[in-house]
N, C-alpha and C. Protein backbone atom coordinates (compact mmCIF):
# COMPACT_ATOMS: atom_id res chain seq x y z
N UNK A 1 -23.84 5.92 4.61
CA UNK A 1 -22.52 5.35 5.15
C UNK A 1 -21.07 5.06 4.13
N UNK A 2 -21.20 6.15 3.32
CA UNK A 2 -19.90 6.04 2.52
C UNK A 2 -18.50 6.27 2.80
N UNK A 3 -17.56 6.03 1.90
CA UNK A 3 -16.35 6.20 2.15
C UNK A 3 -15.69 7.79 1.57
N UNK A 4 -14.93 8.85 2.15
CA UNK A 4 -14.49 9.62 1.26
C UNK A 4 -13.38 9.83 0.66
N UNK A 5 -12.98 9.67 -0.56
CA UNK A 5 -11.90 9.49 -1.57
C UNK A 5 -11.25 10.85 -1.94
N UNK A 6 -10.13 10.95 -1.98
CA UNK A 6 -9.37 12.26 -2.38
C UNK A 6 -7.79 11.73 -2.67
N UNK A 7 -7.52 12.51 -3.66
CA UNK A 7 -5.92 12.12 -4.32
C UNK A 7 -5.13 12.46 -3.59
N UNK A 8 -4.02 11.52 -3.50
CA UNK A 8 -2.52 12.15 -2.78
C UNK A 8 -1.70 13.10 -3.94
N UNK A 9 -0.50 13.10 -3.48
CA UNK A 9 0.30 14.04 -4.20
C UNK A 9 0.53 13.51 -5.76
N UNK A 10 0.46 12.08 -5.75
CA UNK A 10 0.59 11.29 -6.91
C UNK A 10 -1.32 11.18 -7.26
N UNK A 11 -1.77 11.79 -8.13
CA UNK A 11 -2.86 11.77 -8.53
C UNK A 11 -3.73 10.24 -8.48
N UNK A 12 -3.09 9.37 -8.92
CA UNK A 12 -3.53 7.76 -9.56
C UNK A 12 -3.70 7.34 -7.95
N UNK A 13 -2.81 7.26 -6.76
CA UNK A 13 -2.68 6.80 -5.47
C UNK A 13 -4.07 7.72 -4.72
N UNK A 14 -5.05 7.25 -4.53
CA UNK A 14 -5.95 7.78 -3.85
C UNK A 14 -5.75 7.23 -2.22
N UNK A 15 -6.44 8.43 -1.05
CA UNK A 15 -6.86 8.53 0.30
C UNK A 15 -7.77 7.89 0.58
N UNK A 16 -8.33 7.02 1.00
CA UNK A 16 -9.51 6.44 1.48
C UNK A 16 -10.05 6.89 3.08
N UNK A 17 -10.80 7.78 3.08
CA UNK A 17 -11.75 8.01 4.94
C UNK A 17 -12.17 6.85 5.16
N UNK A 18 -12.11 6.06 5.85
CA UNK A 18 -13.11 4.83 5.82
C UNK A 18 -14.04 5.44 6.93
N UNK A 19 -15.36 5.48 6.57
CA UNK A 19 -16.49 5.62 7.94
C UNK A 19 -16.22 4.64 8.91
N UNK A 20 -16.20 5.18 10.11
CA UNK A 20 -16.10 4.77 11.48
C UNK A 20 -16.69 5.50 12.61
N UNK A 21 -17.36 4.52 13.41
CA UNK A 21 -18.20 4.62 14.32
C UNK A 21 -17.84 4.25 15.54
N UNK A 22 -17.88 4.93 16.79
CA UNK A 22 -17.50 4.10 18.15
C UNK A 22 -18.80 4.36 19.22
N UNK A 23 -18.86 3.54 20.16
CA UNK A 23 -19.96 3.87 21.20
C UNK A 23 -19.38 3.17 22.12
N UNK A 24 -20.01 2.77 23.28
CA UNK A 24 -20.23 2.23 24.62
C UNK A 24 -19.80 0.36 24.46
N UNK A 25 -20.42 0.12 23.20
CA UNK A 25 -19.97 -1.52 22.61
C UNK A 25 -18.70 -1.38 22.00
N UNK A 26 -18.11 -0.63 21.67
CA UNK A 26 -16.84 -0.62 20.56
C UNK A 26 -16.99 0.10 19.39
N UNK A 27 -16.44 -0.22 18.58
CA UNK A 27 -16.40 0.21 17.10
C UNK A 27 -16.57 -0.31 15.93
N UNK A 28 -17.00 0.55 14.78
CA UNK A 28 -17.47 -0.32 13.65
C UNK A 28 -16.97 0.63 12.60
N UNK A 29 -16.36 -0.22 11.52
CA UNK A 29 -15.23 0.81 10.26
C UNK A 29 -15.86 -0.19 9.08
N UNK A 30 -16.24 0.71 8.01
CA UNK A 30 -16.54 0.11 6.83
C UNK A 30 -15.43 0.41 6.22
N UNK A 31 -14.87 -0.93 5.67
CA UNK A 31 -13.53 -1.16 5.26
C UNK A 31 -13.36 -0.98 3.52
N UNK A 32 -14.79 -1.45 2.93
CA UNK A 32 -14.62 -1.37 1.04
C UNK A 32 -15.91 -0.74 0.88
N UNK A 33 -16.00 -0.11 0.09
CA UNK A 33 -17.52 0.65 -0.82
C UNK A 33 -17.39 0.76 -1.80
N UNK A 34 -17.81 -0.49 -2.76
CA UNK A 34 -17.45 -0.32 -4.21
C UNK A 34 -18.13 0.92 -4.92
N UNK A 35 -19.15 1.45 -4.57
CA UNK A 35 -19.83 2.58 -4.96
C UNK A 35 -18.96 3.77 -5.16
N UNK A 36 -18.29 3.86 -3.67
CA UNK A 36 -17.58 5.14 -3.62
C UNK A 36 -16.45 4.92 -4.75
N UNK A 37 -15.66 4.32 -4.41
CA UNK A 37 -14.76 3.60 -5.86
C UNK A 37 -15.20 4.21 -6.80
N UNK A 38 -16.13 3.39 -7.66
CA UNK A 38 -16.88 3.72 -9.02
C UNK A 38 -16.90 5.23 -9.32
N UNK A 39 -17.67 6.09 -8.07
CA UNK A 39 -17.51 7.39 -8.60
C UNK A 39 -16.32 8.38 -8.48
N UNK A 40 -15.31 7.57 -8.23
CA UNK A 40 -14.03 8.01 -8.37
C UNK A 40 -13.24 7.38 -9.78
N UNK A 41 -14.18 6.90 -10.50
CA UNK A 41 -13.35 6.19 -11.72
C UNK A 41 -12.87 5.36 -11.30
N UNK A 42 -13.00 4.42 -10.26
CA UNK A 42 -11.84 3.40 -9.89
C UNK A 42 -12.78 1.99 -10.05
N UNK A 43 -12.55 0.95 -11.09
CA UNK A 43 -13.06 -0.03 -11.19
C UNK A 43 -11.96 -1.50 -10.24
N UNK A 44 -12.68 -1.45 -9.15
CA UNK A 44 -11.87 -2.40 -8.43
C UNK A 44 -12.68 -3.49 -7.80
N UNK A 45 -12.31 -4.92 -8.67
CA UNK A 45 -13.33 -5.97 -8.41
C UNK A 45 -12.33 -7.13 -7.24
N UNK A 46 -12.62 -7.25 -5.92
CA UNK A 46 -11.69 -7.89 -4.96
C UNK A 46 -11.66 -9.17 -5.26
N UNK A 47 -10.39 -9.76 -5.70
CA UNK A 47 -10.15 -11.19 -5.82
C UNK A 47 -9.49 -11.51 -4.69
N UNK A 48 -8.67 -11.03 -3.94
CA UNK A 48 -8.06 -11.76 -2.61
C UNK A 48 -7.91 -10.56 -1.63
N UNK A 49 -7.80 -11.17 -0.16
CA UNK A 49 -7.52 -10.51 0.65
C UNK A 49 -6.53 -11.23 1.72
N UNK A 50 -5.52 -10.02 2.06
CA UNK A 50 -4.47 -10.81 2.93
C UNK A 50 -4.27 -9.87 4.05
N UNK A 51 -3.58 -10.20 5.42
CA UNK A 51 -3.01 -9.37 6.27
C UNK A 51 -1.66 -9.92 6.84
N UNK A 52 -1.12 -8.65 7.34
CA UNK A 52 -0.03 -9.20 8.05
C UNK A 52 0.28 -8.66 9.69
N UNK A 53 0.88 -9.07 10.26
CA UNK A 53 1.08 -8.93 11.45
C UNK A 53 2.71 -8.37 11.41
N UNK A 54 3.21 -7.03 11.95
CA UNK A 54 4.60 -6.48 12.11
C UNK A 54 4.91 -5.99 13.39
N UNK A 55 6.22 -6.54 13.90
CA UNK A 55 6.95 -5.73 14.75
C UNK A 55 7.22 -4.45 14.26
N UNK A 56 7.45 -3.70 15.34
CA UNK A 56 8.06 -1.95 15.24
C UNK A 56 9.37 -2.25 14.39
N UNK A 57 9.47 -1.45 13.53
CA UNK A 57 10.87 -0.99 12.52
C UNK A 57 10.58 -2.21 11.78
N UNK A 58 9.90 -2.88 11.37
CA UNK A 58 9.82 -4.18 10.23
C UNK A 58 9.30 -2.91 8.87
N UNK A 59 10.01 -3.14 7.88
CA UNK A 59 9.87 -2.88 6.66
C UNK A 59 9.67 -3.67 5.93
N UNK A 60 8.11 -3.81 4.98
CA UNK A 60 7.84 -4.54 4.15
C UNK A 60 7.63 -4.09 2.74
N UNK A 61 8.46 -5.06 1.73
CA UNK A 61 8.27 -4.37 0.23
C UNK A 61 9.89 -3.67 0.09
N UNK A 62 9.70 -2.94 -1.27
CA UNK A 62 8.45 -2.66 -2.00
C UNK A 62 8.33 -3.60 -3.08
N UNK A 63 7.11 -3.95 -3.08
CA UNK A 63 6.69 -5.27 -3.59
C UNK A 63 5.77 -4.88 -4.96
N UNK A 64 5.53 -5.46 -5.86
CA UNK A 64 4.72 -5.59 -6.93
C UNK A 64 4.57 -6.74 -7.68
N UNK A 65 3.32 -6.88 -8.67
CA UNK A 65 3.56 -8.01 -9.51
C UNK A 65 3.96 -7.29 -11.20
N UNK A 66 4.98 -8.17 -11.89
CA UNK A 66 4.86 -7.78 -13.25
C UNK A 66 3.69 -8.18 -14.04
N UNK A 67 3.46 -7.17 -14.79
CA UNK A 67 2.27 -7.63 -15.99
C UNK A 67 2.84 -9.24 -16.54
N UNK A 68 1.92 -9.74 -17.01
CA UNK A 68 0.14 -9.43 -16.99
C UNK A 68 -0.50 -9.79 -15.60
N UNK A 69 0.09 -10.12 -14.27
CA UNK A 69 -0.48 -10.44 -13.09
C UNK A 69 -0.09 -9.37 -12.27
N UNK A 70 -0.13 -8.24 -12.75
CA UNK A 70 0.01 -6.83 -12.11
C UNK A 70 -1.55 -6.79 -11.53
N UNK A 71 -1.76 -5.99 -10.23
CA UNK A 71 -2.77 -5.49 -9.97
C UNK A 71 -3.06 -3.94 -8.99
N UNK A 72 -3.98 -3.71 -8.65
CA UNK A 72 -4.56 -2.86 -7.58
C UNK A 72 -4.38 -3.47 -6.59
N UNK A 73 -4.35 -2.44 -5.41
CA UNK A 73 -4.50 -2.80 -4.05
C UNK A 73 -5.01 -2.19 -3.33
N UNK A 74 -6.23 -2.19 -2.14
CA UNK A 74 -6.11 -1.02 -1.18
C UNK A 74 -5.50 -1.99 0.26
N UNK A 75 -5.05 -1.08 1.00
CA UNK A 75 -4.30 -1.34 2.06
C UNK A 75 -4.89 -0.48 3.51
N UNK A 76 -5.13 -1.19 4.46
CA UNK A 76 -5.42 -0.14 5.71
C UNK A 76 -4.81 -0.92 6.58
N UNK A 77 -4.60 -0.21 7.81
CA UNK A 77 -4.07 -0.83 9.15
C UNK A 77 -5.12 -0.87 10.41
N UNK A 78 -5.69 -1.98 10.79
CA UNK A 78 -6.62 -2.44 11.60
C UNK A 78 -6.33 -2.34 12.75
N UNK A 79 -4.89 -2.29 13.56
CA UNK A 79 -4.39 -2.34 14.71
C UNK A 79 -2.99 -1.77 14.42
N UNK A 80 -2.36 -1.00 15.39
CA UNK A 80 -1.25 -0.15 15.09
C UNK A 80 -1.37 0.77 14.31
N UNK A 81 -0.03 1.21 13.82
CA UNK A 81 0.47 2.07 12.61
C UNK A 81 1.18 1.83 11.99
N UNK A 82 1.15 2.09 10.84
CA UNK A 82 2.26 2.04 9.40
C UNK A 82 2.60 3.43 8.94
N UNK A 83 3.42 3.54 8.57
CA UNK A 83 3.95 4.38 7.27
C UNK A 83 3.82 3.65 6.07
N UNK A 84 2.83 4.15 5.05
CA UNK A 84 2.40 3.42 3.82
C UNK A 84 2.99 3.99 2.84
N UNK A 85 3.62 3.01 1.62
CA UNK A 85 4.26 3.77 0.66
C UNK A 85 4.08 3.34 -0.61
N UNK A 86 3.85 4.24 -1.64
CA UNK A 86 3.33 3.63 -3.14
C UNK A 86 4.38 4.34 -3.82
N UNK A 87 5.38 3.73 -4.52
CA UNK A 87 6.38 4.13 -5.61
C UNK A 87 6.12 3.92 -7.04
N UNK A 88 6.03 5.03 -7.50
CA UNK A 88 5.47 4.92 -8.83
C UNK A 88 6.64 4.29 -10.01
N UNK A 89 6.43 3.46 -10.71
CA UNK A 89 6.75 2.48 -11.74
C UNK A 89 6.70 2.70 -13.13
N UNK A 90 5.62 3.87 -13.33
CA UNK A 90 4.98 4.06 -14.53
C UNK A 90 5.88 4.79 -15.56
N UNK A 91 6.54 4.24 -16.56
CA UNK A 91 7.80 5.20 -17.02
C UNK A 91 7.27 6.38 -17.89
N UNK A 92 6.24 5.93 -18.34
CA UNK A 92 5.91 7.41 -19.25
C UNK A 92 5.10 8.41 -18.20
N UNK A 93 5.23 8.09 -16.91
CA UNK A 93 4.46 9.38 -16.07
C UNK A 93 5.38 10.19 -15.45
N UNK A 94 4.62 11.38 -15.47
CA UNK A 94 5.47 12.61 -15.00
C UNK A 94 5.88 12.27 -13.54
N UNK A 95 5.46 11.35 -12.70
CA UNK A 95 5.69 11.03 -11.49
C UNK A 95 6.36 9.91 -11.23
N UNK A 96 6.64 9.31 -12.18
CA UNK A 96 8.19 8.09 -12.37
C UNK A 96 9.09 8.51 -11.29
N UNK A 97 9.08 7.38 -10.36
CA UNK A 97 10.19 7.51 -9.42
C UNK A 97 9.99 8.15 -8.21
N UNK A 98 8.66 8.81 -7.97
CA UNK A 98 8.25 9.73 -6.90
C UNK A 98 7.59 8.78 -6.05
N UNK A 99 7.32 9.00 -5.09
CA UNK A 99 6.36 7.93 -4.09
C UNK A 99 5.31 9.24 -3.20
N UNK A 100 4.23 8.23 -2.46
CA UNK A 100 3.37 8.63 -1.80
C UNK A 100 3.54 8.08 -0.37
N UNK A 101 3.60 8.65 0.76
CA UNK A 101 3.87 8.44 2.05
C UNK A 101 2.74 8.79 2.72
N UNK A 102 2.17 7.77 3.37
CA UNK A 102 0.85 8.17 4.15
C UNK A 102 0.76 7.28 5.41
N UNK A 103 0.47 7.82 6.67
CA UNK A 103 0.41 6.83 7.80
C UNK A 103 -0.91 6.62 7.88
N UNK A 104 -1.22 5.11 8.18
CA UNK A 104 -2.43 4.76 8.38
C UNK A 104 -2.58 4.03 9.64
N UNK A 105 -3.44 3.95 10.28
CA UNK A 105 -3.69 3.40 11.67
C UNK A 105 -5.10 3.02 12.10
N UNK A 106 -5.12 2.27 13.02
CA UNK A 106 -6.64 1.85 13.58
C UNK A 106 -7.18 3.32 14.10
N UNK A 107 -6.48 4.61 14.57
CA UNK A 107 -7.04 5.26 15.03
C UNK A 107 -7.73 6.60 14.07
N UNK A 108 -7.14 6.85 12.90
CA UNK A 108 -7.24 7.81 11.73
C UNK A 108 -8.15 7.27 10.73
N UNK A 109 -8.20 5.89 10.80
CA UNK A 109 -9.06 5.05 9.68
C UNK A 109 -9.29 5.60 8.22
N UNK A 110 -7.61 5.17 7.79
CA UNK A 110 -7.40 6.05 6.18
C UNK A 110 -7.01 4.52 5.60
N UNK A 111 -7.21 4.41 4.46
CA UNK A 111 -6.71 3.66 3.91
C UNK A 111 -6.13 4.29 2.38
N UNK A 112 -5.08 3.75 1.79
CA UNK A 112 -4.65 3.77 0.91
C UNK A 112 -4.92 2.93 -0.83
N UNK A 113 -5.44 3.72 -1.82
CA UNK A 113 -5.64 2.67 -3.17
C UNK A 113 -4.55 3.01 -3.85
N UNK A 114 -3.60 1.85 -4.28
CA UNK A 114 -2.38 1.81 -5.07
C UNK A 114 -2.69 1.15 -6.51
N UNK A 115 -2.95 1.83 -7.76
CA UNK A 115 -3.13 1.34 -8.73
C UNK A 115 -2.03 0.22 -9.28
N UNK A 116 -2.28 -0.42 -10.35
CA UNK A 116 -1.06 -1.34 -10.78
C UNK A 116 -0.03 -0.08 -11.37
N UNK A 117 1.20 -0.78 -11.46
CA UNK A 117 2.09 0.38 -11.97
C UNK A 117 2.82 0.83 -10.89
N UNK A 118 2.77 0.46 -9.49
CA UNK A 118 3.23 1.10 -8.27
C UNK A 118 3.46 -0.01 -7.37
N UNK A 119 5.07 0.36 -6.72
CA UNK A 119 5.44 -0.78 -6.29
C UNK A 119 4.92 -0.29 -4.41
N UNK A 120 4.65 -1.13 -3.73
CA UNK A 120 4.26 -0.83 -2.28
C UNK A 120 4.78 -1.60 -1.24
N UNK A 121 5.07 -1.14 -0.19
CA UNK A 121 5.68 -0.95 0.59
C UNK A 121 5.36 -0.23 2.28
N UNK A 122 5.73 -0.48 3.29
CA UNK A 122 5.18 -0.07 4.52
C UNK A 122 6.32 -0.44 5.91
N UNK A 123 6.39 0.70 6.71
CA UNK A 123 7.09 1.01 7.91
C UNK A 123 6.38 0.52 8.93
N UNK A 124 6.21 -0.42 9.75
CA UNK A 124 5.44 -0.95 11.29
C UNK A 124 6.16 0.06 11.97
N UNK A 125 5.26 1.19 12.80
CA UNK A 125 5.60 2.08 13.92
C UNK A 125 5.16 1.42 15.09
N UNK A 126 4.57 0.47 15.04
CA UNK A 126 4.49 -0.27 16.45
C UNK A 126 4.29 -1.73 16.47
N UNK A 127 4.79 -2.22 17.65
CA UNK A 127 4.46 -3.75 17.44
C UNK A 127 2.97 -4.18 17.20
N UNK A 128 2.97 -5.19 16.63
CA UNK A 128 2.13 -5.88 16.14
C UNK A 128 0.93 -5.32 15.30
N UNK A 129 1.57 -4.28 14.66
CA UNK A 129 0.67 -3.78 13.61
C UNK A 129 0.05 -4.95 12.48
N UNK A 130 -1.37 -4.47 12.29
CA UNK A 130 -2.05 -5.39 11.42
C UNK A 130 -2.65 -4.78 10.20
N UNK A 131 -1.83 -5.23 9.33
CA UNK A 131 -2.31 -4.91 7.95
C UNK A 131 -2.83 -5.51 6.89
N UNK A 132 -4.09 -4.87 6.29
CA UNK A 132 -5.07 -5.39 5.66
C UNK A 132 -4.55 -4.83 4.30
N UNK A 133 -4.51 -5.94 3.12
CA UNK A 133 -4.68 -5.73 1.64
C UNK A 133 -5.95 -6.25 1.26
N UNK A 134 -6.41 -5.40 0.07
CA UNK A 134 -7.52 -5.85 -0.69
C UNK A 134 -6.85 -6.00 -2.17
N UNK A 135 -6.52 -7.12 -2.94
CA UNK A 135 -6.18 -6.86 -4.01
C UNK A 135 -7.31 -7.27 -5.34
N UNK A 136 -7.00 -7.10 -6.61
CA UNK A 136 -7.89 -7.09 -7.54
C UNK A 136 -7.41 -8.06 -8.48
N UNK A 137 -6.56 -8.61 -8.14
CA UNK A 137 -5.70 -9.72 -8.78
C UNK A 137 -5.52 -10.84 -7.91
N UNK A 138 -5.02 -12.34 -8.31
CA UNK A 138 -4.56 -13.40 -7.79
C UNK A 138 -3.01 -13.46 -7.72
N UNK A 139 -2.61 -13.72 -6.60
CA UNK A 139 -1.26 -13.74 -6.12
C UNK A 139 -0.69 -14.84 -7.14
N UNK A 140 0.58 -14.64 -7.89
CA UNK A 140 1.13 -15.22 -8.76
C UNK A 140 2.72 -15.11 -8.53
N UNK A 141 3.12 -16.34 -8.03
CA UNK A 141 4.78 -16.40 -7.24
C UNK A 141 5.81 -15.98 -7.98
N UNK A 142 5.53 -16.44 -9.87
CA UNK A 142 6.63 -15.99 -10.71
C UNK A 142 6.77 -14.62 -10.81
N UNK A 143 5.53 -13.78 -10.71
CA UNK A 143 5.67 -12.73 -10.91
C UNK A 143 5.99 -11.41 -9.98
N UNK A 144 5.84 -12.15 -8.70
CA UNK A 144 6.10 -11.27 -7.45
C UNK A 144 7.53 -11.09 -7.32
N UNK A 145 7.77 -9.40 -7.13
CA UNK A 145 9.06 -9.25 -7.29
C UNK A 145 9.17 -7.74 -6.73
N UNK A 146 10.43 -6.91 -6.51
CA UNK A 146 10.22 -5.69 -6.00
C UNK A 146 11.48 -4.73 -6.23
N UNK A 147 11.46 -3.42 -5.38
CA UNK A 147 12.49 -2.48 -5.38
C UNK A 147 13.13 -2.45 -4.29
N UNK A 148 14.33 -2.34 -3.93
CA UNK A 148 15.22 -2.08 -2.83
C UNK A 148 14.70 -0.75 -2.07
N UNK A 149 13.97 -1.18 -0.77
CA UNK A 149 13.32 -0.06 -0.10
C UNK A 149 14.28 1.24 -0.09
N UNK A 150 15.46 0.90 0.31
CA UNK A 150 16.45 2.45 0.57
C UNK A 150 16.95 2.96 -1.11
N UNK A 151 16.53 2.71 -2.01
CA UNK A 151 17.27 3.06 -3.28
C UNK A 151 16.28 3.80 -3.95
N UNK A 152 15.21 4.72 -3.41
CA UNK A 152 14.14 4.98 -4.20
C UNK A 152 13.84 6.60 -3.65
N UNK A 153 15.18 6.95 -2.82
CA UNK A 153 14.64 8.24 -2.37
C UNK A 153 13.82 8.47 -1.21
N UNK A 154 13.08 7.41 -0.73
CA UNK A 154 12.45 7.52 0.45
C UNK A 154 12.85 7.55 1.84
N UNK A 155 12.43 8.44 3.00
CA UNK A 155 12.51 8.90 3.70
C UNK A 155 12.42 8.03 5.05
N UNK A 156 12.78 6.83 5.11
CA UNK A 156 12.09 5.84 6.08
C UNK A 156 12.69 6.26 7.74
N UNK A 157 11.65 6.85 8.20
CA UNK A 157 12.04 7.42 9.93
C UNK A 157 12.11 6.18 10.64
N UNK A 158 13.25 5.20 10.48
CA UNK A 158 13.94 4.46 11.21
C UNK A 158 15.51 4.21 11.29
N UNK A 159 16.18 3.78 12.25
CA UNK A 159 17.48 3.78 12.32
C UNK A 159 18.00 2.17 11.86
N UNK A 160 17.31 1.21 12.34
CA UNK A 160 17.97 -0.10 12.09
C UNK A 160 16.47 -0.90 11.63
N UNK A 161 16.11 -0.59 10.65
CA UNK A 161 14.79 -1.52 9.71
C UNK A 161 15.08 -3.20 10.05
N UNK A 162 14.00 -3.60 10.01
CA UNK A 162 13.87 -5.42 10.03
C UNK A 162 13.60 -5.59 8.65
N UNK A 163 14.02 -6.55 7.79
CA UNK A 163 13.57 -6.89 6.36
C UNK A 163 13.79 -8.02 6.05
N UNK A 164 13.29 -8.87 5.31
CA UNK A 164 13.31 -10.02 4.97
C UNK A 164 14.64 -10.18 4.20
N UNK A 165 15.65 -11.55 4.01
CA UNK A 165 16.36 -11.59 2.87
C UNK A 165 15.97 -11.37 1.64
N UNK A 166 14.86 -11.84 1.34
CA UNK A 166 14.28 -11.44 -0.11
C UNK A 166 13.99 -10.25 -0.43
N UNK A 167 13.53 -9.34 0.79
CA UNK A 167 13.46 -7.77 0.43
C UNK A 167 14.68 -7.11 0.06
N UNK A 168 15.61 -7.76 0.93
CA UNK A 168 16.89 -7.06 0.90
C UNK A 168 17.71 -7.17 -0.73
N UNK A 169 17.19 -8.41 -1.00
CA UNK A 169 17.87 -9.05 -2.28
C UNK A 169 17.40 -8.34 -3.76
N UNK A 170 16.15 -7.12 -3.77
CA UNK A 170 15.64 -6.43 -5.01
C UNK A 170 16.56 -5.63 -5.22
N UNK A 171 16.44 -5.45 -6.91
CA UNK A 171 17.50 -4.31 -7.40
C UNK A 171 16.92 -3.00 -6.92
N UNK A 172 17.77 -1.95 -6.88
CA UNK A 172 17.69 -0.55 -6.61
C UNK A 172 16.63 -0.06 -7.89
N UNK A 173 15.72 1.02 -7.64
CA UNK A 173 15.34 1.50 -8.74
C UNK A 173 15.97 1.90 -10.01
N UNK A 174 17.08 2.47 -10.06
CA UNK A 174 18.08 2.73 -11.40
C UNK A 174 18.46 1.44 -12.09
N UNK A 175 18.58 0.21 -11.49
CA UNK A 175 19.12 -0.77 -11.96
C UNK A 175 17.80 -1.65 -12.32
N UNK A 176 16.87 -0.96 -12.28
CA UNK A 176 15.34 -1.88 -12.35
C UNK A 176 14.93 -1.35 -13.90
N UNK A 177 14.50 -2.22 -14.79
CA UNK A 177 13.86 -2.06 -16.12
C UNK A 177 12.40 -1.93 -16.07
N UNK A 178 11.56 -1.24 -15.58
CA UNK A 178 10.13 -0.93 -15.51
C UNK A 178 9.45 -1.60 -16.60
N UNK A 179 8.35 -2.55 -16.18
CA UNK A 179 7.52 -2.91 -17.38
C UNK A 179 6.33 -2.31 -17.76
N UNK A 180 6.01 -1.30 -16.78
CA UNK A 180 5.02 -0.17 -16.86
C UNK A 180 5.01 1.08 -17.70
């Protein structure tokens, strides 16, 4: 009952195919398997877990934590559908400024592993999409920041997105000096 892990278009970001089974009683999904991560060279010690519930057309992000409080995360959608995005902020990477975009849903049972050095965000494609975050660091308010969602070359498929004032106040990618 392991999970399958593959690289995305940016090799540091992984797509996780979670084990799932359904029968007349309902469904069962394995959302975390430490051994499968270790086999891929991913050392992930779960420190905190969060979930959000988002209306359709909500964009959350693009968020990350500044060093030394930066962390990796595993994101999956247990209800509804989201378009999950990881933006590479690693200045010495050949994929700096590029992104991974992956649909995550309660139907496809996919998750995304996003390492430190990436900003993360998503678009909710349905009302009441429930998104879980497993993180290997502890939330640190003073280090929590982001990149403006519309300034990173990401083609968000929404005409009128719903965002927080905070997310709208983030600098664009080209105004941001990356610490990664």
